Amino acid sequence: SSVYWARLQINNVSTKKEWLIEVNYPFLDFIDVYLVDESGTVSHRKTGDMLLFSQRAQKHHNFLFTVLLEKEKPLTVYFRFETKGSMRMPLVLWTPEAFNLKDHEEQLIFGLYYGMLFAMIVINPSFIALNSACFTTFFSETCCTMSEALSPQIGQNLALITSLSSPSHLQFVHFF
């Protein structure tokens, strides 16, 4: 099990108050988030894939944290990441509007991908009836790809399809 800490310092210069911090890697076992405002008040949140999905504040496949940022008031966010698997910590700060737009585009891409795989699975049995080894192999590969894509361990590979980031968000992290 590996543990890493990260610190993110935010100073809101916009008029928007509500922001989302996304940890864009859903395979981290435990994530502790400590929000420290300028008066020293600490707020703690805990999530991770080893906790129940129903315990998440935001029901999403990635980890989301809502933060309220007063204009020109600094906020320091400490992250504690713990996992037994691979470790990635892509942190993205979003406005709720920008996040919703990105999420809708991502879901559209997933829908097209799964729809095409499903169509191939539905159409291919008619070719299998022709006793063609080539079509049988293709059908088996398509079924395996679909089952892998729907399993939680393989989802990170699909994130590569949707990792095209829009310029409307900031991505930064400071490690120490």
Protein backbone atom coordinates (compact mmCIF):
# COMPACT_ATOMS: atom_id res chain seq x y z
CA SER A 1 0.00 0.00 0.00
CA SER A 2 1.37 3.40 -1.03
CA VAL A 3 0.47 6.76 0.50
CA TYR A 4 1.06 10.12 -1.16
CA TRP A 5 0.18 13.64 -0.08
CA ALA A 6 -0.55 16.60 -2.35
CA ARG A 7 -1.27 20.25 -1.60
CA LEU A 8 -3.38 22.52 -3.76
CA GLN A 9 -3.52 26.25 -3.01
CA ILE A 10 -6.46 28.11 -4.50
CA ASN A 11 -7.14 31.83 -4.58
CA ASN A 12 -10.44 32.63 -6.27
CA VAL A 13 -10.16 35.71 -8.48
CA SER A 14 -13.49 35.12 -10.23
CA THR A 15 -17.00 35.95 -9.07
CA LYS A 16 -17.97 32.25 -9.01
CA LYS A 17 -18.28 30.84 -5.52
CA GLU A 18 -18.97 27.13 -6.11
CA TRP A 19 -16.26 24.94 -7.64
CA LEU A 20 -15.65 21.22 -8.07
CA ILE A 21 -12.38 19.42 -7.53
CA GLU A 22 -12.29 16.22 -9.57
CA VAL A 23 -9.88 13.37 -8.93
CA ASN A 24 -9.99 11.91 -12.42
CA TYR A 25 -8.86 8.39 -11.51
CA PRO A 26 -11.53 6.14 -9.98
CA PHE A 27 -9.22 3.35 -8.76
CA LEU A 28 -7.77 4.94 -5.63
CA ASP A 29 -8.60 2.98 -2.47
CA PHE A 30 -8.79 5.89 -0.02
CA ILE A 31 -8.75 9.66 -0.47
CA ASP A 32 -8.75 12.07 2.45
CA VAL A 33 -9.31 15.74 1.66
CA TYR A 34 -8.58 18.48 4.18
CA LEU A 35 -9.83 21.99 3.35
CA VAL A 36 -8.04 24.72 5.34
CA ASP A 37 -9.32 28.29 5.04
CA GLU A 38 -7.37 31.44 5.92
CA SER A 39 -8.68 31.42 9.51
CA GLY A 40 -7.28 27.90 10.01
CA THR A 41 -10.65 26.12 10.04
CA VAL A 42 -10.23 22.54 8.78
CA SER A 43 -12.92 20.53 7.02
CA HIS A 44 -12.31 16.82 6.32
CA ARG A 45 -13.86 14.59 3.64
CA LYS A 46 -13.15 10.94 2.94
CA THR A 47 -13.86 8.82 -0.12
CA GLY A 48 -12.28 6.12 -2.28
CA ASP A 49 -13.20 2.98 -4.17
CA MET A 50 -12.98 0.88 -0.99
CA LEU A 51 -15.91 2.83 0.49
CA LEU A 52 -19.51 2.37 -0.57
CA PHE A 53 -20.58 4.34 -3.63
CA SER A 54 -23.66 5.46 -1.71
CA GLN A 55 -21.39 7.24 0.80
CA ARG A 56 -20.04 9.63 -1.83
CA ALA A 57 -21.20 13.22 -1.64
CA GLN A 58 -21.33 13.34 -5.46
CA LYS A 59 -22.59 10.20 -7.22
CA HIS A 60 -20.08 10.04 -10.06
CA HIS A 61 -17.57 7.46 -11.34
CA ASN A 62 -14.70 9.84 -10.53
CA PHE A 63 -14.23 11.44 -7.12
CA LEU A 64 -15.75 14.93 -6.81
CA PHE A 65 -15.52 17.46 -4.02
CA THR A 66 -17.57 20.64 -3.90
CA VAL A 67 -15.69 23.62 -2.51
CA LEU A 68 -17.03 27.09 -1.80
CA LEU A 69 -14.45 29.74 -2.56
CA GLU A 70 -14.93 33.31 -1.42
CA LYS A 71 -13.46 35.92 -3.75
CA GLU A 72 -9.84 36.75 -2.89
CA LYS A 73 -9.89 34.35 0.10
CA PRO A 74 -7.18 31.68 -0.15
CA LEU A 75 -7.99 28.02 0.47
CA THR A 76 -5.43 25.28 0.95
CA VAL A 77 -6.49 21.74 0.09
CA TYR A 78 -4.46 18.76 1.32
CA PHE A 79 -5.01 15.38 -0.30
CA ARG A 80 -3.96 12.04 1.16
CA PHE A 81 -4.06 9.27 -1.45
CA GLU A 82 -3.71 5.62 -0.45
CA THR A 83 -3.97 2.62 -2.72
CA LYS A 84 -2.58 -0.86 -3.26
CA GLY A 85 -2.82 -0.57 -7.05
CA SER A 86 -1.35 1.93 -9.46
CA MET A 87 -1.23 5.54 -8.31
CA ARG A 88 -2.35 8.48 -10.42
CA MET A 89 -3.57 11.77 -8.99
CA PRO A 90 -5.01 13.92 -11.77
CA LEU A 91 -6.66 16.86 -10.00
CA VAL A 92 -8.91 19.18 -11.96
CA LEU A 93 -10.66 22.31 -10.70
CA TRP A 94 -13.97 22.92 -12.49
CA THR A 95 -16.88 25.28 -12.40
CA PRO A 96 -20.05 23.18 -12.12
CA GLU A 97 -21.14 24.34 -15.59
CA ALA A 98 -17.84 23.36 -17.24
CA PHE A 99 -17.84 20.00 -15.43
CA ASN A 100 -21.41 19.22 -16.53
CA LEU A 101 -20.54 20.05 -20.15
CA LYS A 102 -17.46 17.80 -20.03
CA ASP A 103 -19.44 15.02 -18.34
CA HIS A 104 -22.22 15.15 -20.96
CA GLU A 105 -19.66 14.95 -23.78
CA GLU A 106 -17.95 12.04 -22.02
CA GLN A 107 -21.24 10.16 -21.60
CA LEU A 108 -22.04 10.70 -25.29
CA ILE A 109 -18.71 9.15 -26.26
CA PHE A 110 -19.33 6.19 -23.90
CA GLY A 111 -22.83 5.75 -25.39
CA LEU A 112 -21.49 5.70 -28.94
CA TYR A 113 -18.72 3.27 -28.00
CA TYR A 114 -21.01 0.83 -26.19
CA GLY A 115 -23.70 1.22 -28.86
CA MET A 116 -21.28 0.21 -31.61
CA LEU A 117 -20.04 -2.78 -29.61
CA PHE A 118 -23.61 -3.84 -28.87
CA ALA A 119 -24.56 -3.51 -32.56
CA MET A 120 -21.61 -5.72 -33.53
CA ILE A 121 -22.66 -8.34 -31.00
CA VAL A 122 -26.26 -8.32 -32.27
CA ILE A 123 -25.32 -8.44 -35.97
CA ASN A 124 -22.50 -10.99 -35.84
CA PRO A 125 -24.46 -14.16 -34.88
CA SER A 126 -25.94 -14.21 -38.38
CA PHE A 127 -22.42 -14.44 -39.82
CA ILE A 128 -21.47 -17.18 -37.36
CA ALA A 129 -24.21 -19.29 -38.90
CA LEU A 130 -22.11 -19.27 -42.09
CA ASN A 131 -19.48 -21.31 -40.22
CA SER A 132 -16.74 -18.83 -40.92
CA ALA A 133 -13.80 -19.04 -38.50
CA CYS A 134 -12.96 -15.41 -39.19
CA PHE A 135 -16.39 -14.15 -38.14
CA THR A 136 -16.47 -16.48 -35.13
CA THR A 137 -13.14 -15.07 -33.95
CA PHE A 138 -14.29 -11.50 -34.57
CA PHE A 139 -17.52 -12.11 -32.65
CA SER A 140 -15.61 -13.62 -29.70
CA GLU A 141 -13.19 -10.67 -29.66
CA THR A 142 -16.08 -8.19 -29.72
CA CYS A 143 -17.83 -9.95 -26.82
CA CYS A 144 -14.61 -9.98 -24.80
CA THR A 145 -13.99 -6.30 -25.51
CA MET A 146 -17.53 -5.43 -24.41
CA SER A 147 -17.23 -7.41 -21.17
CA GLU A 148 -13.82 -5.87 -20.42
CA ALA A 149 -15.09 -2.37 -21.12
CA LEU A 150 -17.98 -2.85 -18.73
CA SER A 151 -15.82 -4.22 -15.91
CA PRO A 152 -14.58 -1.65 -13.37
CA GLN A 153 -10.90 -2.62 -13.66
CA ILE A 154 -10.73 -1.79 -17.36
CA GLY A 155 -12.56 1.53 -17.16
CA GLN A 156 -9.30 3.43 -16.88
CA ASN A 157 -8.46 2.47 -20.46
CA LEU A 158 -11.68 4.08 -21.66
CA ALA A 159 -10.68 7.26 -19.86
CA LEU A 160 -8.03 7.68 -22.55
CA ILE A 161 -10.80 8.14 -25.09
CA THR A 162 -12.37 10.94 -23.09
CA SER A 163 -9.26 12.52 -21.63
CA LEU A 164 -9.29 15.34 -24.15
CA SER A 165 -9.45 18.25 -21.78
CA SER A 166 -11.19 21.48 -22.57
CA PRO A 167 -9.38 24.78 -22.00
CA SER A 168 -12.12 25.86 -19.59
CA HIS A 169 -10.58 24.19 -16.55
CA LEU A 170 -7.39 24.50 -14.57
CA GLN A 171 -5.19 21.54 -13.75
CA PHE A 172 -2.42 21.96 -11.22
CA VAL A 173 -1.00 20.25 -8.19
CA HIS A 174 1.96 20.81 -5.91
CA PHE A 175 3.69 17.76 -4.43
CA PHE A 176 5.81 17.87 -1.32
